[in-house]
Amino acid sequence: MSGQNRNEIYPGLEVDIILKKDQRSGKKTRGIVKDLLTSSSFHSRGIKVRLEDGQVGRVAEII
């Protein structure tokens, strides 16, 4: 799943995100969702989340 729809993402889900600093390279970071930061139901570049370790990025892929 792509991570563009908010209803597919919830706390405790394992995801790959792209951090702001990694947007050019596309490097993915894996972690567990703690908070959803995007309030809209859809975002073309991915729903923004905070991982349990505190990193913030947009969901690239749901594991």
PDB file of N, CA and C in Angstrom:
ATOM      1  N   MET A   1       0.851  -1.192   0.000  1.00  0.00           N
ATOM      2  CA  MET A   1       0.000   0.000   0.000  1.00  0.00           C
ATOM      3  C   MET A   1       0.890   1.246   0.000  1.00  0.00           C
ATOM      4  N   SER A   2       0.362   2.301  -0.556  1.00  0.00           N
ATOM      5  CA  SER A   2       1.193   3.470  -0.838  1.00  0.00           C
ATOM      6  C   SER A   2       1.358   4.439   0.328  1.00  0.00           C
ATOM      7  N   GLY A   3       0.406   4.496   1.257  1.00  0.00           N
ATOM      8  CA  GLY A   3       0.524   5.431   2.371  1.00  0.00           C
ATOM      9  C   GLY A   3      -0.025   6.809   2.069  1.00  0.00           C
ATOM     10  N   GLN A   4      -0.834   6.921   1.019  1.00  0.00           N
ATOM     11  CA  GLN A   4      -1.425   8.212   0.662  1.00  0.00           C
ATOM     12  C   GLN A   4      -2.794   8.432   1.307  1.00  0.00           C
ATOM     13  N   ASN A   5      -3.435   7.360   1.762  1.00  0.00           N
ATOM     14  CA  ASN A   5      -4.753   7.462   2.386  1.00  0.00           C
ATOM     15  C   ASN A   5      -4.634   7.345   3.897  1.00  0.00           C
ATOM     16  N   ARG A   6      -5.184   8.337   4.600  1.00  0.00           N
ATOM     17  CA  ARG A   6      -5.066   8.395   6.054  1.00  0.00           C
ATOM     18  C   ARG A   6      -5.739   7.201   6.737  1.00  0.00           C
ATOM     19  N   ASN A   7      -6.843   6.708   6.152  1.00  0.00           N
ATOM     20  CA  ASN A   7      -7.591   5.616   6.795  1.00  0.00           C
ATOM     21  C   ASN A   7      -6.841   4.288   6.775  1.00  0.00           C
ATOM     22  N   GLU A   8      -5.721   4.181   6.026  1.00  0.00           N
ATOM     23  CA  GLU A   8      -4.915   2.954   5.984  1.00  0.00           C
ATOM     24  C   GLU A   8      -3.828   2.955   7.054  1.00  0.00           C
ATOM     25  N   ILE A   9      -3.634   4.108   7.731  1.00  0.00           N
ATOM     26  CA  ILE A   9      -2.505   4.264   8.652  1.00  0.00           C
ATOM     27  C   ILE A   9      -3.027   4.491  10.068  1.00  0.00           C
ATOM     28  N   TYR A  10      -2.411   3.820  11.037  1.00  0.00           N
ATOM     29  CA  TYR A  10      -2.835   3.946  12.432  1.00  0.00           C
ATOM     30  C   TYR A  10      -1.640   3.684  13.345  1.00  0.00           C
ATOM     31  N   PRO A  11      -1.685   4.172  14.576  1.00  0.00           N
ATOM     32  CA  PRO A  11      -0.583   3.946  15.523  1.00  0.00           C
ATOM     33  C   PRO A  11      -0.317   2.452  15.709  1.00  0.00           C
ATOM     34  N   GLY A  12       0.965   2.091  15.747  1.00  0.00           N
ATOM     35  CA  GLY A  12       1.361   0.698  15.905  1.00  0.00           C
ATOM     36  C   GLY A  12       1.672   0.001  14.598  1.00  0.00           C
ATOM     37  N   LEU A  13       1.376   0.651  13.469  1.00  0.00           N
ATOM     38  CA  LEU A  13       1.619   0.073  12.148  1.00  0.00           C
ATOM     39  C   LEU A  13       3.082   0.241  11.754  1.00  0.00           C
ATOM     40  N   GLU A  14       3.673  -0.793  11.144  1.00  0.00           N
ATOM     41  CA  GLU A  14       5.057  -0.695  10.668  1.00  0.00           C
ATOM     42  C   GLU A  14       5.057  -0.117   9.258  1.00  0.00           C
ATOM     43  N   VAL A  15       5.850   0.935   9.061  1.00  0.00           N
ATOM     44  CA  VAL A  15       5.873   1.634   7.774  1.00  0.00           C
ATOM     45  C   VAL A  15       7.307   2.012   7.391  1.00  0.00           C
ATOM     46  N   ASP A  16       7.493   2.310   6.106  1.00  0.00           N
ATOM     47  CA  ASP A  16       8.703   2.954   5.625  1.00  0.00           C
ATOM     48  C   ASP A  16       8.343   4.404   5.350  1.00  0.00           C
ATOM     49  N   ILE A  17       9.151   5.334   5.878  1.00  0.00           N
ATOM     50  CA  ILE A  17       8.913   6.753   5.632  1.00  0.00           C
ATOM     51  C   ILE A  17      10.113   7.354   4.930  1.00  0.00           C
ATOM     52  N   ILE A  18       9.878   8.511   4.316  1.00  0.00           N
ATOM     53  CA  ILE A  18      10.970   9.294   3.745  1.00  0.00           C
ATOM     54  C   ILE A  18      11.078  10.569   4.562  1.00  0.00           C
ATOM     55  N   LEU A  19      12.232  10.738   5.195  1.00  0.00           N
ATOM     56  CA  LEU A  19      12.482  11.928   6.006  1.00  0.00           C
ATOM     57  C   LEU A  19      12.700  13.125   5.088  1.00  0.00           C
ATOM     58  N   LYS A  20      12.471  14.334   5.616  1.00  0.00           N
ATOM     59  CA  LYS A  20      12.662  15.561   4.843  1.00  0.00           C
ATOM     60  C   LYS A  20      14.064  15.615   4.221  1.00  0.00           C
ATOM     61  N   LYS A  21      15.081  15.261   5.004  1.00  0.00           N
ATOM     62  CA  LYS A  21      16.466  15.334   4.518  1.00  0.00           C
ATOM     63  C   LYS A  21      16.758  14.291   3.442  1.00  0.00           C
ATOM     64  N   ASP A  22      15.921  13.259   3.333  1.00  0.00           N
ATOM     65  CA  ASP A  22      16.142  12.176   2.375  1.00  0.00           C
ATOM     66  C   ASP A  22      15.239  12.263   1.144  1.00  0.00           C
ATOM     67  N   GLN A  23      14.505  13.375   0.990  1.00  0.00           N
ATOM     68  CA  GLN A  23      13.572  13.472  -0.128  1.00  0.00           C
ATOM     69  C   GLN A  23      14.267  13.381  -1.481  1.00  0.00           C
ATOM     70  N   ARG A  24      15.455  13.975  -1.617  1.00  0.00           N
ATOM     71  CA  ARG A  24      16.169  13.932  -2.900  1.00  0.00           C
ATOM     72  C   ARG A  24      16.643  12.525  -3.236  1.00  0.00           C
ATOM     73  N   SER A  25      17.199  11.823  -2.246  1.00  0.00           N
ATOM     74  CA  SER A  25      17.751  10.492  -2.494  1.00  0.00           C
ATOM     75  C   SER A  25      16.663   9.415  -2.487  1.00  0.00           C
ATOM     76  N   GLY A  26      15.568   9.653  -1.778  1.00  0.00           N
ATOM     77  CA  GLY A  26      14.503   8.659  -1.685  1.00  0.00           C
ATOM     78  C   GLY A  26      14.781   7.575  -0.662  1.00  0.00           C
ATOM     79  N   LYS A  27      15.807   7.780   0.182  1.00  0.00           N
ATOM     80  CA  LYS A  27      16.173   6.803   1.212  1.00  0.00           C
ATOM     81  C   LYS A  27      15.013   6.624   2.195  1.00  0.00           C
ATOM     82  N   LYS A  28      14.675   5.373   2.464  1.00  0.00           N
ATOM     83  CA  LYS A  28      13.537   5.062   3.344  1.00  0.00           C
ATOM     84  C   LYS A  28      14.027   4.695   4.743  1.00  0.00           C
ATOM     85  N   THR A  29      13.218   5.046   5.730  1.00  0.00           N
ATOM     86  CA  THR A  29      13.494   4.725   7.129  1.00  0.00           C
ATOM     87  C   THR A  29      12.308   3.924   7.656  1.00  0.00           C
ATOM     88  N   ARG A  30      12.580   2.765   8.262  1.00  0.00           N
ATOM     89  CA  ARG A  30      11.507   1.899   8.756  1.00  0.00           C
ATOM     90  C   ARG A  30      11.253   2.167  10.233  1.00  0.00           C
ATOM     91  N   GLY A  31       9.977   2.139  10.621  1.00  0.00           N
ATOM     92  CA  GLY A  31       9.629   2.322  12.020  1.00  0.00           C
ATOM     93  C   GLY A  31       8.160   2.066  12.284  1.00  0.00           C
ATOM     94  N   ILE A  32       7.779   2.265  13.529  1.00  0.00           N
ATOM     95  CA  ILE A  32       6.400   2.053  13.984  1.00  0.00           C
ATOM     96  C   ILE A  32       5.734   3.416  14.170  1.00  0.00           C
ATOM     97  N   VAL A  33       4.521   3.582  13.625  1.00  0.00           N
ATOM     98  CA  VAL A  33       3.791   4.846  13.712  1.00  0.00           C
ATOM     99  C   VAL A  33       3.384   5.122  15.154  1.00  0.00           C
ATOM    100  N   LYS A  34       3.666   6.353  15.612  1.00  0.00           N
ATOM    101  CA  LYS A  34       3.209   6.805  16.921  1.00  0.00           C
ATOM    102  C   LYS A  34       2.036   7.773  16.760  1.00  0.00           C
ATOM    103  N   ASP A  35       2.201   8.790  15.891  1.00  0.00           N
ATOM    104  CA  ASP A  35       1.164   9.806  15.672  1.00  0.00           C
ATOM    105  C   ASP A  35       0.989  10.064  14.187  1.00  0.00           C
ATOM    106  N   LEU A  36      -0.245  10.394  13.778  1.00  0.00           N
ATOM    107  CA  LEU A  36      -0.519  10.867  12.430  1.00  0.00           C
ATOM    108  C   LEU A  36      -0.545  12.384  12.475  1.00  0.00           C
ATOM    109  N   LEU A  37       0.238  13.032  11.602  1.00  0.00           N
ATOM    110  CA  LEU A  37       0.363  14.487  11.629  1.00  0.00           C
ATOM    111  C   LEU A  37      -0.422  15.170  10.511  1.00  0.00           C
ATOM    112  N   THR A  38      -0.784  14.440   9.462  1.00  0.00           N
ATOM    113  CA  THR A  38      -1.594  14.992   8.374  1.00  0.00           C
ATOM    114  C   THR A  38      -3.058  14.824   8.740  1.00  0.00           C
ATOM    115  N   SER A  39      -3.822  15.930   8.679  1.00  0.00           N
ATOM    116  CA  SER A  39      -5.234  15.856   9.072  1.00  0.00           C
ATOM    117  C   SER A  39      -6.149  15.511   7.900  1.00  0.00           C
ATOM    118  N   SER A  40      -5.719  15.776   6.660  1.00  0.00           N
ATOM    119  CA  SER A  40      -6.580  15.473   5.514  1.00  0.00           C
ATOM    120  C   SER A  40      -6.614  13.964   5.263  1.00  0.00           C
ATOM    121  N   SER A  41      -7.649  13.494   4.570  1.00  0.00           N
ATOM    122  CA  SER A  41      -7.827  12.057   4.361  1.00  0.00           C
ATOM    123  C   SER A  41      -6.913  11.504   3.270  1.00  0.00           C
ATOM    124  N   PHE A  42      -6.344  12.383   2.409  1.00  0.00           N
ATOM    125  CA  PHE A  42      -5.463  11.949   1.323  1.00  0.00           C
ATOM    126  C   PHE A  42      -4.353  12.970   1.129  1.00  0.00           C
ATOM    127  N   HIS A  43      -3.148  12.492   0.852  1.00  0.00           N
ATOM    128  CA  HIS A  43      -2.050  13.395   0.498  1.00  0.00           C
ATOM    129  C   HIS A  43      -1.226  12.727  -0.591  1.00  0.00           C
ATOM    130  N   SER A  44      -0.983  13.450  -1.694  1.00  0.00           N
ATOM    131  CA  SER A  44      -0.336  12.865  -2.868  1.00  0.00           C
ATOM    132  C   SER A  44       1.093  12.387  -2.599  1.00  0.00           C
ATOM    133  N   ARG A  45       1.806  13.031  -1.672  1.00  0.00           N
ATOM    134  CA  ARG A  45       3.184  12.623  -1.381  1.00  0.00           C
ATOM    135  C   ARG A  45       3.267  11.700  -0.171  1.00  0.00           C
ATOM    136  N   GLY A  46       2.152  11.354   0.429  1.00  0.00           N
ATOM    137  CA  GLY A  46       2.151  10.447   1.576  1.00  0.00           C
ATOM    138  C   GLY A  46       1.733  11.160   2.848  1.00  0.00           C
ATOM    139  N   ILE A  47       1.066  10.437   3.733  1.00  0.00           N
ATOM    140  CA  ILE A  47       0.610  10.973   5.012  1.00  0.00           C
ATOM    141  C   ILE A  47       1.821  11.179   5.916  1.00  0.00           C
ATOM    142  N   LYS A  48       1.892  12.351   6.545  1.00  0.00           N
ATOM    143  CA  LYS A  48       3.018  12.643   7.444  1.00  0.00           C
ATOM    144  C   LYS A  48       2.748  12.018   8.807  1.00  0.00           C
ATOM    145  N   VAL A  49       3.754  11.317   9.327  1.00  0.00           N
ATOM    146  CA  VAL A  49       3.629  10.627  10.616  1.00  0.00           C
ATOM    147  C   VAL A  49       4.856  10.878  11.475  1.00  0.00           C
ATOM    148  N   ARG A  50       4.690  10.644  12.785  1.00  0.00           N
ATOM    149  CA  ARG A  50       5.809  10.621  13.725  1.00  0.00           C
ATOM    150  C   ARG A  50       5.989   9.170  14.144  1.00  0.00           C
ATOM    151  N   LEU A  51       7.228   8.674  14.054  1.00  0.00           N
ATOM    152  CA  LEU A  51       7.520   7.315  14.482  1.00  0.00           C
ATOM    153  C   LEU A  51       7.733   7.273  15.996  1.00  0.00           C
ATOM    154  N   GLU A  52       7.746   6.073  16.570  1.00  0.00           N
ATOM    155  CA  GLU A  52       7.938   5.915  18.011  1.00  0.00           C
ATOM    156  C   GLU A  52       9.286   6.452  18.467  1.00  0.00           C
ATOM    157  N   ASP A  53      10.284   6.476  17.572  1.00  0.00           N
ATOM    158  CA  ASP A  53      11.598   7.008  17.944  1.00  0.00           C
ATOM    159  C   ASP A  53      11.704   8.524  17.740  1.00  0.00           C
ATOM    160  N   GLY A  54      10.595   9.168  17.334  1.00  0.00           N
ATOM    161  CA  GLY A  54      10.544  10.618  17.221  1.00  0.00           C
ATOM    162  C   GLY A  54      10.798  11.188  15.838  1.00  0.00           C
ATOM    163  N   GLN A  55      11.216  10.363  14.884  1.00  0.00           N
ATOM    164  CA  GLN A  55      11.468  10.838  13.522  1.00  0.00           C
ATOM    165  C   GLN A  55      10.153  11.152  12.814  1.00  0.00           C
ATOM    166  N   VAL A  56      10.155  12.209  11.989  1.00  0.00           N
ATOM    167  CA  VAL A  56       8.950  12.631  11.264  1.00  0.00           C
ATOM    168  C   VAL A  56       9.216  12.560   9.782  1.00  0.00           C
ATOM    169  N   GLY A  57       8.264  11.989   9.051  1.00  0.00           N
ATOM    170  CA  GLY A  57       8.389  11.903   7.593  1.00  0.00           C
ATOM    171  C   GLY A  57       7.077  11.475   6.973  1.00  0.00           C
ATOM    172  N   ARG A  58       7.090  11.353   5.653  1.00  0.00           N
ATOM    173  CA  ARG A  58       5.892  10.946   4.914  1.00  0.00           C
ATOM    174  C   ARG A  58       5.956   9.457   4.608  1.00  0.00           C
ATOM    175  N   VAL A  59       4.823   8.781   4.761  1.00  0.00           N
ATOM    176  CA  VAL A  59       4.757   7.331   4.540  1.00  0.00           C
ATOM    177  C   VAL A  59       4.965   7.029   3.055  1.00  0.00           C
ATOM    178  N   ALA A  60       5.987   6.219   2.775  1.00  0.00           N
ATOM    179  CA  ALA A  60       6.273   5.789   1.414  1.00  0.00           C
ATOM    180  C   ALA A  60       5.634   4.435   1.142  1.00  0.00           C
ATOM    181  N   GLU A  61       5.601   3.588   2.177  1.00  0.00           N
ATOM    182  CA  GLU A  61       5.100   2.236   2.001  1.00  0.00           C
ATOM    183  C   GLU A  61       4.655   1.671   3.343  1.00  0.00           C
ATOM    184  N   ILE A  62       3.555   0.915   3.300  1.00  0.00           N
ATOM    185  CA  ILE A  62       3.080   0.222   4.503  1.00  0.00           C
ATOM    186  C   ILE A  62       3.601  -1.210   4.434  1.00  0.00           C
ATOM    187  N   ILE A  63       4.218  -1.658   5.504  1.00  0.00           N
ATOM    188  CA  ILE A  63       4.850  -2.991   5.529  1.00  0.00           C
ATOM    189  C   ILE A  63       3.805  -4.068   5.855  1.00  0.00           C
TER     190      ILE A  63
END
